[in-house]
Full PDB file with SEQRES, HELIX, SHEET, SSBOND, CRYST1, ORIGX, SCALE, CONECT and MASTER records, all heavy atoms in Angstrom:
SEQRES   1 A   42  VAL PRO VAL THR VAL SER GLU GLN ILE GLU SER THR HIS          
SEQRES   2 A   42  ALA SER PHE GLU ALA GLY ALA SER ILE ALA HIS CYS HIS          
SEQRES   3 A   42  VAL ARG ASP GLU ALA GLY LYS PRO THR SER ASP PRO GLU          
SEQRES   4 A   42  ARG PHE ALA                                                  
HELIX    1 AA1 VAL A    5  ALA A   18  1                                  14    
HELIX    2 AA2 PRO A   38  PHE A   41  1                                   4    
CRYST1    1.000    1.000    1.000  90.00  90.00  90.00 P 1           1          
ORIGX1      1.000000  0.000000  0.000000        0.00000                         
ORIGX2      0.000000  1.000000  0.000000        0.00000                         
ORIGX3      0.000000  0.000000  1.000000        0.00000                         
SCALE1      1.000000  0.000000  0.000000        0.00000                         
SCALE2      0.000000  1.000000  0.000000        0.00000                         
SCALE3      0.000000  0.000000  1.000000        0.00000                         
ATOM      1  N   VAL A   1       9.421  -0.743   5.070  1.00  0.00           N  
ATOM      2  CA  VAL A   1       8.610  -1.149   3.910  1.00  0.00           C  
ATOM      3  C   VAL A   1       7.204  -1.498   4.390  1.00  0.00           C  
ATOM      4  O   VAL A   1       7.038  -2.398   5.217  1.00  0.00           O  
ATOM      5  CB  VAL A   1       9.236  -2.354   3.185  1.00  0.00           C  
ATOM      6  CG1 VAL A   1       8.309  -2.852   2.071  1.00  0.00           C  
ATOM      7  CG2 VAL A   1      10.602  -1.983   2.609  1.00  0.00           C  
ATOM      8  N   PRO A   2       6.172  -0.811   3.899  1.00  0.00           N  
ATOM      9  CA  PRO A   2       4.807  -1.116   4.342  1.00  0.00           C  
ATOM     10  C   PRO A   2       4.254  -2.315   3.589  1.00  0.00           C  
ATOM     11  O   PRO A   2       4.228  -2.334   2.357  1.00  0.00           O  
ATOM     12  CB  PRO A   2       4.045   0.167   3.998  1.00  0.00           C  
ATOM     13  CG  PRO A   2       4.761   0.739   2.811  1.00  0.00           C  
ATOM     14  CD  PRO A   2       6.212   0.340   2.973  1.00  0.00           C  
ATOM     15  N   VAL A   3       3.797  -3.322   4.301  1.00  0.00           N  
ATOM     16  CA  VAL A   3       3.364  -4.574   3.683  1.00  0.00           C  
ATOM     17  C   VAL A   3       1.860  -4.781   3.812  1.00  0.00           C  
ATOM     18  O   VAL A   3       1.171  -5.074   2.838  1.00  0.00           O  
ATOM     19  CB  VAL A   3       4.131  -5.768   4.283  1.00  0.00           C  
ATOM     20  CG1 VAL A   3       3.595  -7.090   3.736  1.00  0.00           C  
ATOM     21  CG2 VAL A   3       5.630  -5.639   3.975  1.00  0.00           C  
ATOM     22  N   THR A   4       1.324  -4.627   5.006  1.00  0.00           N  
ATOM     23  CA  THR A   4      -0.115  -4.791   5.184  1.00  0.00           C  
ATOM     24  C   THR A   4      -0.842  -3.577   4.612  1.00  0.00           C  
ATOM     25  O   THR A   4      -0.257  -2.503   4.429  1.00  0.00           O  
ATOM     26  CB  THR A   4      -0.484  -4.938   6.666  1.00  0.00           C  
ATOM     27  OG1 THR A   4      -0.205  -3.701   7.343  1.00  0.00           O  
ATOM     28  CG2 THR A   4       0.323  -6.065   7.319  1.00  0.00           C  
ATOM     29  N   VAL A   5      -2.120  -3.745   4.360  1.00  0.00           N  
ATOM     30  CA  VAL A   5      -2.899  -2.629   3.816  1.00  0.00           C  
ATOM     31  C   VAL A   5      -2.880  -1.440   4.771  1.00  0.00           C  
ATOM     32  O   VAL A   5      -2.718  -0.286   4.354  1.00  0.00           O  
ATOM     33  CB  VAL A   5      -4.343  -3.080   3.505  1.00  0.00           C  
ATOM     34  CG1 VAL A   5      -5.229  -1.877   3.187  1.00  0.00           C  
ATOM     35  CG2 VAL A   5      -4.348  -4.059   2.335  1.00  0.00           C  
ATOM     36  N   SER A   6      -3.024  -1.686   6.065  1.00  0.00           N  
ATOM     37  CA  SER A   6      -3.020  -0.576   7.024  1.00  0.00           C  
ATOM     38  C   SER A   6      -1.673   0.139   7.029  1.00  0.00           C  
ATOM     39  O   SER A   6      -1.626   1.385   7.106  1.00  0.00           O  
ATOM     40  CB  SER A   6      -3.378  -1.074   8.427  1.00  0.00           C  
ATOM     41  OG  SER A   6      -2.455  -2.043   8.880  1.00  0.00           O  
ATOM     42  N   GLU A   7      -0.580  -0.614   6.952  1.00  0.00           N  
ATOM     43  CA  GLU A   7       0.747   0.006   6.880  1.00  0.00           C  
ATOM     44  C   GLU A   7       0.885   0.834   5.610  1.00  0.00           C  
ATOM     45  O   GLU A   7       1.460   1.936   5.630  1.00  0.00           O  
ATOM     46  CB  GLU A   7       1.836  -1.062   6.906  1.00  0.00           C  
ATOM     47  CG  GLU A   7       2.017  -1.756   8.252  1.00  0.00           C  
ATOM     48  CD  GLU A   7       2.956  -2.954   8.175  1.00  0.00           C  
ATOM     49  OE1 GLU A   7       3.248  -3.440   7.057  1.00  0.00           O  
ATOM     50  OE2 GLU A   7       3.389  -3.412   9.253  1.00  0.00           O  
ATOM     51  N   GLN A   8       0.369   0.321   4.509  1.00  0.00           N  
ATOM     52  CA  GLN A   8       0.463   1.043   3.241  1.00  0.00           C  
ATOM     53  C   GLN A   8      -0.322   2.349   3.276  1.00  0.00           C  
ATOM     54  O   GLN A   8       0.139   3.376   2.773  1.00  0.00           O  
ATOM     55  CB  GLN A   8      -0.035   0.149   2.110  1.00  0.00           C  
ATOM     56  CG  GLN A   8       0.894  -1.013   1.796  1.00  0.00           C  
ATOM     57  CD  GLN A   8       0.308  -1.913   0.741  1.00  0.00           C  
ATOM     58  OE1 GLN A   8      -0.808  -2.407   0.879  1.00  0.00           O  
ATOM     59  NE2 GLN A   8       1.046  -2.126  -0.329  1.00  0.00           N  
ATOM     60  N   ILE A   9      -1.503   2.312   3.864  1.00  0.00           N  
ATOM     61  CA  ILE A   9      -2.314   3.533   3.952  1.00  0.00           C  
ATOM     62  C   ILE A   9      -1.600   4.580   4.797  1.00  0.00           C  
ATOM     63  O   ILE A   9      -1.517   5.761   4.425  1.00  0.00           O  
ATOM     64  CB  ILE A   9      -3.707   3.218   4.527  1.00  0.00           C  
ATOM     65  CG1 ILE A   9      -4.492   2.336   3.544  1.00  0.00           C  
ATOM     66  CG2 ILE A   9      -4.476   4.497   4.835  1.00  0.00           C  
ATOM     67  CD1 ILE A   9      -5.747   1.725   4.139  1.00  0.00           C  
ATOM     68  N   GLU A  10      -1.051   4.154   5.932  1.00  0.00           N  
ATOM     69  CA  GLU A  10      -0.336   5.086   6.811  1.00  0.00           C  
ATOM     70  C   GLU A  10       0.880   5.681   6.103  1.00  0.00           C  
ATOM     71  O   GLU A  10       1.127   6.897   6.166  1.00  0.00           O  
ATOM     72  CB  GLU A  10       0.089   4.365   8.085  1.00  0.00           C  
ATOM     73  CG  GLU A  10       0.795   5.257   9.082  1.00  0.00           C  
ATOM     74  CD  GLU A  10       1.172   4.529  10.366  1.00  0.00           C  
ATOM     75  OE1 GLU A  10       0.853   3.330  10.491  1.00  0.00           O  
ATOM     76  OE2 GLU A  10       1.787   5.166  11.247  1.00  0.00           O  
ATOM     77  N   SER A  11       1.648   4.837   5.403  1.00  0.00           N  
ATOM     78  CA  SER A  11       2.836   5.312   4.705  1.00  0.00           C  
ATOM     79  C   SER A  11       2.465   6.243   3.544  1.00  0.00           C  
ATOM     80  O   SER A  11       3.152   7.240   3.292  1.00  0.00           O  
ATOM     81  CB  SER A  11       3.645   4.121   4.196  1.00  0.00           C  
ATOM     82  OG  SER A  11       4.876   4.537   3.649  1.00  0.00           O  
ATOM     83  N   THR A  12       1.385   5.917   2.854  1.00  0.00           N  
ATOM     84  CA  THR A  12       0.933   6.777   1.759  1.00  0.00           C  
ATOM     85  C   THR A  12       0.488   8.132   2.280  1.00  0.00           C  
ATOM     86  O   THR A  12       0.784   9.175   1.675  1.00  0.00           O  
ATOM     87  CB  THR A  12      -0.218   6.103   0.989  1.00  0.00           C  
ATOM     88  OG1 THR A  12       0.230   4.856   0.472  1.00  0.00           O  
ATOM     89  CG2 THR A  12      -0.686   6.973  -0.157  1.00  0.00           C  
ATOM     90  N   HIS A  13      -0.210   8.145   3.398  1.00  0.00           N  
ATOM     91  CA  HIS A  13      -0.659   9.420   3.976  1.00  0.00           C  
ATOM     92  C   HIS A  13       0.537  10.307   4.307  1.00  0.00           C  
ATOM     93  O   HIS A  13       0.539  11.515   4.010  1.00  0.00           O  
ATOM     94  CB  HIS A  13      -1.503   9.177   5.223  1.00  0.00           C  
ATOM     95  CG  HIS A  13      -2.005  10.434   5.853  1.00  0.00           C  
ATOM     96  ND1 HIS A  13      -1.425  10.983   6.970  1.00  0.00           N  
ATOM     97  CD2 HIS A  13      -3.018  11.282   5.497  1.00  0.00           C  
ATOM     98  CE1 HIS A  13      -2.068  12.101   7.296  1.00  0.00           C  
ATOM     99  NE2 HIS A  13      -3.028  12.305   6.412  1.00  0.00           N  
ATOM    100  N   ALA A  14       1.570   9.738   4.904  1.00  0.00           N  
ATOM    101  CA  ALA A  14       2.762  10.528   5.225  1.00  0.00           C  
ATOM    102  C   ALA A  14       3.434  11.030   3.953  1.00  0.00           C  
ATOM    103  O   ALA A  14       3.921  12.174   3.906  1.00  0.00           O  
ATOM    104  CB  ALA A  14       3.737   9.687   6.052  1.00  0.00           C  
ATOM    105  N   SER A  15       3.453  10.219   2.906  1.00  0.00           N  
ATOM    106  CA  SER A  15       4.041  10.635   1.628  1.00  0.00           C  
ATOM    107  C   SER A  15       3.234  11.751   0.995  1.00  0.00           C  
ATOM    108  O   SER A  15       3.784  12.691   0.404  1.00  0.00           O  
ATOM    109  CB  SER A  15       4.113   9.431   0.679  1.00  0.00           C  
ATOM    110  OG  SER A  15       4.933   8.424   1.211  1.00  0.00           O  
ATOM    111  N   PHE A  16       1.911  11.649   1.093  1.00  0.00           N  
ATOM    112  CA  PHE A  16       1.000  12.684   0.590  1.00  0.00           C  
ATOM    113  C   PHE A  16       1.258  14.008   1.305  1.00  0.00           C  
ATOM    114  O   PHE A  16       1.365  15.067   0.678  1.00  0.00           O  
ATOM    115  CB  PHE A  16      -0.433  12.203   0.803  1.00  0.00           C  
ATOM    116  CG  PHE A  16      -1.511  13.115   0.278  1.00  0.00           C  
ATOM    117  CD1 PHE A  16      -1.518  13.533  -1.041  1.00  0.00           C  
ATOM    118  CD2 PHE A  16      -2.554  13.505   1.109  1.00  0.00           C  
ATOM    119  CE1 PHE A  16      -2.540  14.344  -1.530  1.00  0.00           C  
ATOM    120  CE2 PHE A  16      -3.571  14.314   0.639  1.00  0.00           C  
ATOM    121  CZ  PHE A  16      -3.572  14.736  -0.691  1.00  0.00           C  
ATOM    122  N   GLU A  17       1.384  13.939   2.607  1.00  0.00           N  
ATOM    123  CA  GLU A  17       1.664  15.144   3.392  1.00  0.00           C  
ATOM    124  C   GLU A  17       3.024  15.740   3.029  1.00  0.00           C  
ATOM    125  O   GLU A  17       3.207  16.961   3.060  1.00  0.00           O  
ATOM    126  CB  GLU A  17       1.620  14.816   4.892  1.00  0.00           C  
ATOM    127  CG  GLU A  17       0.247  14.447   5.413  1.00  0.00           C  
ATOM    128  CD  GLU A  17      -0.698  15.627   5.434  1.00  0.00           C  
ATOM    129  OE1 GLU A  17      -0.311  16.683   5.971  1.00  0.00           O  
ATOM    130  OE2 GLU A  17      -1.824  15.510   4.906  1.00  0.00           O  
ATOM    131  N   ALA A  18       3.967  14.900   2.644  1.00  0.00           N  
ATOM    132  CA  ALA A  18       5.308  15.370   2.278  1.00  0.00           C  
ATOM    133  C   ALA A  18       5.351  15.990   0.885  1.00  0.00           C  
ATOM    134  O   ALA A  18       6.292  16.730   0.576  1.00  0.00           O  
ATOM    135  CB  ALA A  18       6.311  14.229   2.364  1.00  0.00           C  
ATOM    136  N   GLY A  19       4.384  15.681   0.035  1.00  0.00           N  
ATOM    137  CA  GLY A  19       4.368  16.299  -1.289  1.00  0.00           C  
ATOM    138  C   GLY A  19       4.044  15.388  -2.453  1.00  0.00           C  
ATOM    139  O   GLY A  19       3.955  15.844  -3.594  1.00  0.00           O  
ATOM    140  N   ALA A  20       3.868  14.087  -2.220  1.00  0.00           N  
ATOM    141  CA  ALA A  20       3.516  13.181  -3.314  1.00  0.00           C  
ATOM    142  C   ALA A  20       2.057  13.372  -3.707  1.00  0.00           C  
ATOM    143  O   ALA A  20       1.191  13.514  -2.843  1.00  0.00           O  
ATOM    144  CB  ALA A  20       3.747  11.735  -2.904  1.00  0.00           C  
ATOM    145  N   SER A  21       1.789  13.355  -5.013  1.00  0.00           N  
ATOM    146  CA  SER A  21       0.407  13.480  -5.474  1.00  0.00           C  
ATOM    147  C   SER A  21      -0.086  12.217  -6.172  1.00  0.00           C  
ATOM    148  O   SER A  21      -1.268  12.118  -6.503  1.00  0.00           O  
ATOM    149  CB  SER A  21       0.253  14.688  -6.405  1.00  0.00           C  
ATOM    150  OG  SER A  21       1.212  14.668  -7.437  1.00  0.00           O  
ATOM    151  N   ILE A  22       0.811  11.244  -6.416  1.00  0.00           N  
ATOM    152  CA  ILE A  22       0.427   9.941  -6.952  1.00  0.00           C  
ATOM    153  C   ILE A  22       0.934   8.864  -6.000  1.00  0.00           C  
ATOM    154  O   ILE A  22       2.082   8.912  -5.549  1.00  0.00           O  
ATOM    155  CB  ILE A  22       1.029   9.681  -8.347  1.00  0.00           C  
ATOM    156  CG1 ILE A  22       0.555  10.710  -9.367  1.00  0.00           C  
ATOM    157  CG2 ILE A  22       0.671   8.271  -8.835  1.00  0.00           C  
ATOM    158  CD1 ILE A  22       1.190  10.541 -10.755  1.00  0.00           C  
ATOM    159  N   ALA A  23       0.075   7.877  -5.717  1.00  0.00           N  
ATOM    160  CA  ALA A  23       0.487   6.687  -4.984  1.00  0.00           C  
ATOM    161  C   ALA A  23       0.490   5.519  -5.954  1.00  0.00           C  
ATOM    162  O   ALA A  23      -0.551   5.155  -6.504  1.00  0.00           O  
ATOM    163  CB  ALA A  23      -0.462   6.399  -3.833  1.00  0.00           C  
ATOM    164  N   HIS A  24       1.666   4.942  -6.194  1.00  0.00           N  
ATOM    165  CA  HIS A  24       1.794   3.752  -7.046  1.00  0.00           C  
ATOM    166  C   HIS A  24       1.729   2.537  -6.134  1.00  0.00           C  
ATOM    167  O   HIS A  24       2.563   2.370  -5.238  1.00  0.00           O  
ATOM    168  CB  HIS A  24       3.118   3.782  -7.804  1.00  0.00           C  
ATOM    169  CG  HIS A  24       3.355   2.541  -8.606  1.00  0.00           C  
ATOM    170  ND1 HIS A  24       2.693   2.287  -9.776  1.00  0.00           N  
ATOM    171  CD2 HIS A  24       4.171   1.467  -8.382  1.00  0.00           C  
ATOM    172  CE1 HIS A  24       3.094   1.108 -10.264  1.00  0.00           C  
ATOM    173  NE2 HIS A  24       3.990   0.601  -9.432  1.00  0.00           N  
ATOM    174  N   CYS A  25       0.726   1.685  -6.353  1.00  0.00           N  
ATOM    175  CA  CYS A  25       0.355   0.681  -5.361  1.00  0.00           C  
ATOM    176  C   CYS A  25       0.486  -0.756  -5.847  1.00  0.00           C  
ATOM    177  O   CYS A  25      -0.006  -1.105  -6.935  1.00  0.00           O  
ATOM    178  CB  CYS A  25      -1.097   0.903  -4.940  1.00  0.00           C  
ATOM    179  SG  CYS A  25      -1.450   2.565  -4.316  1.00  0.00           S  
ATOM    180  N   HIS A  26       1.103  -1.587  -5.041  1.00  0.00           N  
ATOM    181  CA  HIS A  26       1.075  -3.040  -5.119  1.00  0.00           C  
ATOM    182  C   HIS A  26       0.446  -3.540  -3.821  1.00  0.00           C  
ATOM    183  O   HIS A  26       0.418  -2.822  -2.817  1.00  0.00           O  
ATOM    184  CB  HIS A  26       2.480  -3.617  -5.222  1.00  0.00           C  
ATOM    185  CG  HIS A  26       3.214  -3.281  -6.478  1.00  0.00           C  
ATOM    186  ND1 HIS A  26       3.558  -4.223  -7.418  1.00  0.00           N  
ATOM    187  CD2 HIS A  26       3.706  -2.099  -6.943  1.00  0.00           C  
ATOM    188  CE1 HIS A  26       4.213  -3.646  -8.414  1.00  0.00           C  
ATOM    189  NE2 HIS A  26       4.323  -2.355  -8.143  1.00  0.00           N  
ATOM    190  N   VAL A  27      -0.003  -4.788  -3.811  1.00  0.00           N  
ATOM    191  CA  VAL A  27      -0.476  -5.381  -2.558  1.00  0.00           C  
ATOM    192  C   VAL A  27       0.211  -6.718  -2.335  1.00  0.00           C  
ATOM    193  O   VAL A  27       0.729  -7.340  -3.260  1.00  0.00           O  
ATOM    194  CB  VAL A  27      -2.011  -5.557  -2.544  1.00  0.00           C  
ATOM    195  CG1 VAL A  27      -2.697  -4.205  -2.464  1.00  0.00           C  
ATOM    196  CG2 VAL A  27      -2.511  -6.349  -3.755  1.00  0.00           C  
ATOM    197  N   ARG A  28       0.210  -7.141  -1.072  1.00  0.00           N  
ATOM    198  CA  ARG A  28       0.824  -8.401  -0.660  1.00  0.00           C  
ATOM    199  C   ARG A  28      -0.229  -9.288   0.016  1.00  0.00           C  
ATOM    200  O   ARG A  28      -1.200  -8.782   0.593  1.00  0.00           O  
ATOM    201  CB  ARG A  28       1.967  -8.141   0.326  1.00  0.00           C  
ATOM    202  CG  ARG A  28       3.044  -7.151  -0.138  1.00  0.00           C  
ATOM    203  CD  ARG A  28       4.001  -7.760  -1.135  1.00  0.00           C  
ATOM    204  NE  ARG A  28       5.042  -6.807  -1.498  1.00  0.00           N  
ATOM    205  CZ  ARG A  28       6.236  -6.710  -0.906  1.00  0.00           C  
ATOM    206  NH1 ARG A  28       6.544  -7.516   0.108  1.00  0.00           N  
ATOM    207  NH2 ARG A  28       7.128  -5.825  -1.315  1.00  0.00           N  
ATOM    208  N   ASP A  29       0.010 -10.602  -0.029  1.00  0.00           N  
ATOM    209  CA  ASP A  29      -0.889 -11.531   0.648  1.00  0.00           C  
ATOM    210  C   ASP A  29      -0.496 -11.678   2.120  1.00  0.00           C  
ATOM    211  O   ASP A  29       0.384 -10.963   2.614  1.00  0.00           O  
ATOM    212  CB  ASP A  29      -0.939 -12.874  -0.077  1.00  0.00           C  
ATOM    213  CG  ASP A  29       0.408 -13.608  -0.068  1.00  0.00           C  
ATOM    214  OD1 ASP A  29       1.300 -13.262   0.736  1.00  0.00           O  
ATOM    215  OD2 ASP A  29       0.569 -14.537  -0.889  1.00  0.00           O  
ATOM    216  N   GLU A  30      -1.147 -12.620   2.817  1.00  0.00           N  
ATOM    217  CA  GLU A  30      -0.892 -12.779   4.250  1.00  0.00           C  
ATOM    218  C   GLU A  30       0.552 -13.179   4.541  1.00  0.00           C  
ATOM    219  O   GLU A  30       1.074 -12.910   5.617  1.00  0.00           O  
ATOM    220  CB  GLU A  30      -1.841 -13.826   4.830  1.00  0.00           C  
ATOM    221  CG  GLU A  30      -3.300 -13.392   4.888  1.00  0.00           C  
ATOM    222  CD  GLU A  30      -3.531 -12.235   5.834  1.00  0.00           C  
ATOM    223  OE1 GLU A  30      -2.717 -12.037   6.756  1.00  0.00           O  
ATOM    224  OE2 GLU A  30      -4.524 -11.499   5.647  1.00  0.00           O  
ATOM    225  N   ALA A  31       1.193 -13.815   3.578  1.00  0.00           N  
ATOM    226  CA  ALA A  31       2.580 -14.223   3.756  1.00  0.00           C  
ATOM    227  C   ALA A  31       3.565 -13.142   3.318  1.00  0.00           C  
ATOM    228  O   ALA A  31       4.777 -13.356   3.367  1.00  0.00           O  
ATOM    229  CB  ALA A  31       2.841 -15.512   2.977  1.00  0.00           C  
ATOM    230  N   GLY A  32       3.050 -12.003   2.881  1.00  0.00           N  
ATOM    231  CA  GLY A  32       3.907 -10.922   2.427  1.00  0.00           C  
ATOM    232  C   GLY A  32       4.362 -11.049   0.990  1.00  0.00           C  
ATOM    233  O   GLY A  32       5.240 -10.306   0.549  1.00  0.00           O  
ATOM    234  N   LYS A  33       3.751 -11.989   0.248  1.00  0.00           N  
ATOM    235  CA  LYS A  33       4.118 -12.202  -1.154  1.00  0.00           C  
ATOM    236  C   LYS A  33       3.244 -11.332  -2.058  1.00  0.00           C  
ATOM    237  O   LYS A  33       2.087 -11.065  -1.743  1.00  0.00           O  
ATOM    238  CB  LYS A  33       3.943 -13.669  -1.538  1.00  0.00           C  
ATOM    239  CG  LYS A  33       4.749 -14.647  -0.686  1.00  0.00           C  
ATOM    240  CD  LYS A  33       6.238 -14.426  -0.829  1.00  0.00           C  
ATOM    241  CE  LYS A  33       7.020 -15.485  -0.057  1.00  0.00           C  
ATOM    242  NZ  LYS A  33       8.493 -15.247  -0.151  1.00  0.00           N  
ATOM    243  N   PRO A  34       3.789 -10.906  -3.215  1.00  0.00           N  
ATOM    244  CA  PRO A  34       3.002 -10.070  -4.117  1.00  0.00           C  
ATOM    245  C   PRO A  34       1.784 -10.814  -4.655  1.00  0.00           C  
ATOM    246  O   PRO A  34       1.824 -12.020  -4.895  1.00  0.00           O  
ATOM    247  CB  PRO A  34       3.981  -9.719  -5.234  1.00  0.00           C  
ATOM    248  CG  PRO A  34       5.058 -10.743  -5.154  1.00  0.00           C  
ATOM    249  CD  PRO A  34       5.156 -11.134  -3.725  1.00  0.00           C  
ATOM    250  N   THR A  35       0.691 -10.088  -4.830  1.00  0.00           N  
ATOM    251  CA  THR A  35      -0.556 -10.653  -5.335  1.00  0.00           C  
ATOM    252  C   THR A  35      -1.292  -9.594  -6.140  1.00  0.00           C  
ATOM    253  O   THR A  35      -1.031  -8.386  -5.990  1.00  0.00           O  
ATOM    254  CB  THR A  35      -1.442 -11.149  -4.167  1.00  0.00           C  
ATOM    255  OG1 THR A  35      -2.677 -11.639  -4.690  1.00  0.00           O  
ATOM    256  CG2 THR A  35      -1.749 -10.030  -3.184  1.00  0.00           C  
ATOM    257  N   SER A  36      -2.211 -10.046  -6.983  1.00  0.00           N  
ATOM    258  CA  SER A  36      -3.083  -9.133  -7.717  1.00  0.00           C  
ATOM    259  C   SER A  36      -4.503  -9.153  -7.149  1.00  0.00           C  
ATOM    260  O   SER A  36      -5.452  -8.735  -7.829  1.00  0.00           O  
ATOM    261  CB  SER A  36      -3.124  -9.511  -9.205  1.00  0.00           C  
ATOM    262  OG  SER A  36      -1.876  -9.297  -9.827  1.00  0.00           O  
ATOM    263  N   ASP A  37      -4.675  -9.615  -5.933  1.00  0.00           N  
ATOM    264  CA  ASP A  37      -5.980  -9.794  -5.299  1.00  0.00           C  
ATOM    265  C   ASP A  37      -6.811  -8.505  -5.355  1.00  0.00           C  
ATOM    266  O   ASP A  37      -6.466  -7.515  -4.700  1.00  0.00           O  
ATOM    267  CB  ASP A  37      -5.769 -10.215  -3.850  1.00  0.00           C  
ATOM    268  CG  ASP A  37      -7.059 -10.459  -3.097  1.00  0.00           C  
ATOM    269  OD1 ASP A  37      -8.143 -10.367  -3.703  1.00  0.00           O  
ATOM    270  OD2 ASP A  37      -6.988 -10.739  -1.884  1.00  0.00           O  
ATOM    271  N   PRO A  38      -7.914  -8.494  -6.111  1.00  0.00           N  
ATOM    272  CA  PRO A  38      -8.722  -7.270  -6.219  1.00  0.00           C  
ATOM    273  C   PRO A  38      -9.275  -6.790  -4.881  1.00  0.00           C  
ATOM    274  O   PRO A  38      -9.423  -5.582  -4.673  1.00  0.00           O  
ATOM    275  CB  PRO A  38      -9.851  -7.672  -7.178  1.00  0.00           C  
ATOM    276  CG  PRO A  38      -9.317  -8.822  -7.957  1.00  0.00           C  
ATOM    277  CD  PRO A  38      -8.423  -9.559  -7.001  1.00  0.00           C  
ATOM    278  N   GLU A  39      -9.568  -7.723  -3.972  1.00  0.00           N  
ATOM    279  CA  GLU A  39     -10.122  -7.317  -2.680  1.00  0.00           C  
ATOM    280  C   GLU A  39      -9.105  -6.510  -1.882  1.00  0.00           C  
ATOM    281  O   GLU A  39      -9.448  -5.505  -1.243  1.00  0.00           O  
ATOM    282  CB  GLU A  39     -10.562  -8.566  -1.908  1.00  0.00           C  
ATOM    283  CG  GLU A  39     -11.335  -8.270  -0.624  1.00  0.00           C  
ATOM    284  CD  GLU A  39     -10.445  -8.019   0.588  1.00  0.00           C  
ATOM    285  OE1 GLU A  39      -9.312  -8.539   0.596  1.00  0.00           O  
ATOM    286  OE2 GLU A  39     -10.875  -7.295   1.512  1.00  0.00           O  
ATOM    287  N   ARG A  40      -7.857  -6.918  -1.913  1.00  0.00           N  
ATOM    288  CA  ARG A  40      -6.826  -6.157  -1.201  1.00  0.00           C  
ATOM    289  C   ARG A  40      -6.604  -4.797  -1.867  1.00  0.00           C  
ATOM    290  O   ARG A  40      -6.433  -3.776  -1.184  1.00  0.00           O  
ATOM    291  CB  ARG A  40      -5.522  -6.953  -1.138  1.00  0.00           C  
ATOM    292  CG  ARG A  40      -5.603  -8.159  -0.221  1.00  0.00           C  
ATOM    293  CD  ARG A  40      -4.314  -8.964  -0.207  1.00  0.00           C  
ATOM    294  NE  ARG A  40      -4.467 -10.141   0.616  1.00  0.00           N  
ATOM    295  CZ  ARG A  40      -4.237 -10.195   1.924  1.00  0.00           C  
ATOM    296  NH1 ARG A  40      -3.805  -9.107   2.557  1.00  0.00           N  
ATOM    297  NH2 ARG A  40      -4.408 -11.314   2.594  1.00  0.00           N  
ATOM    298  N   PHE A  41      -6.592  -4.786  -3.189  1.00  0.00           N  
ATOM    299  CA  PHE A  41      -6.481  -3.502  -3.886  1.00  0.00           C  
ATOM    300  C   PHE A  41      -7.655  -2.591  -3.534  1.00  0.00           C  
ATOM    301  O   PHE A  41      -7.482  -1.384  -3.370  1.00  0.00           O  
ATOM    302  CB  PHE A  41      -6.418  -3.721  -5.397  1.00  0.00           C  
ATOM    303  CG  PHE A  41      -5.033  -3.900  -5.947  1.00  0.00           C  
ATOM    304  CD1 PHE A  41      -4.670  -5.084  -6.582  1.00  0.00           C  
ATOM    305  CD2 PHE A  41      -4.082  -2.893  -5.850  1.00  0.00           C  
ATOM    306  CE1 PHE A  41      -3.389  -5.247  -7.109  1.00  0.00           C  
ATOM    307  CE2 PHE A  41      -2.808  -3.045  -6.368  1.00  0.00           C  
ATOM    308  CZ  PHE A  41      -2.467  -4.231  -6.999  1.00  0.00           C  
ATOM    309  N   ALA A  42      -8.842  -3.154  -3.426  1.00  0.00           N  
ATOM    310  CA  ALA A  42     -10.026  -2.348  -3.105  1.00  0.00           C  
ATOM    311  C   ALA A  42      -9.892  -1.710  -1.732  1.00  0.00           C  
ATOM    312  O   ALA A  42     -10.217  -0.523  -1.543  1.00  0.00           O  
ATOM    313  CB  ALA A  42     -11.282  -3.214  -3.168  1.00  0.00           C  
TER     314      ALA A  42                                                      
MASTER        0    0    0    2    0    0    0    6  313    1    0    4          
END                                                                             
């Protein structure tokens, strides 16, 4: 499960290469908890 932004980008890239054309995205805070933080989404 990709939690940090860098992990999410890497996992999304592999999914894109496999055939996904949409990435549905959530973000997590430093503790790994869900957040709506616009900076992390950006």
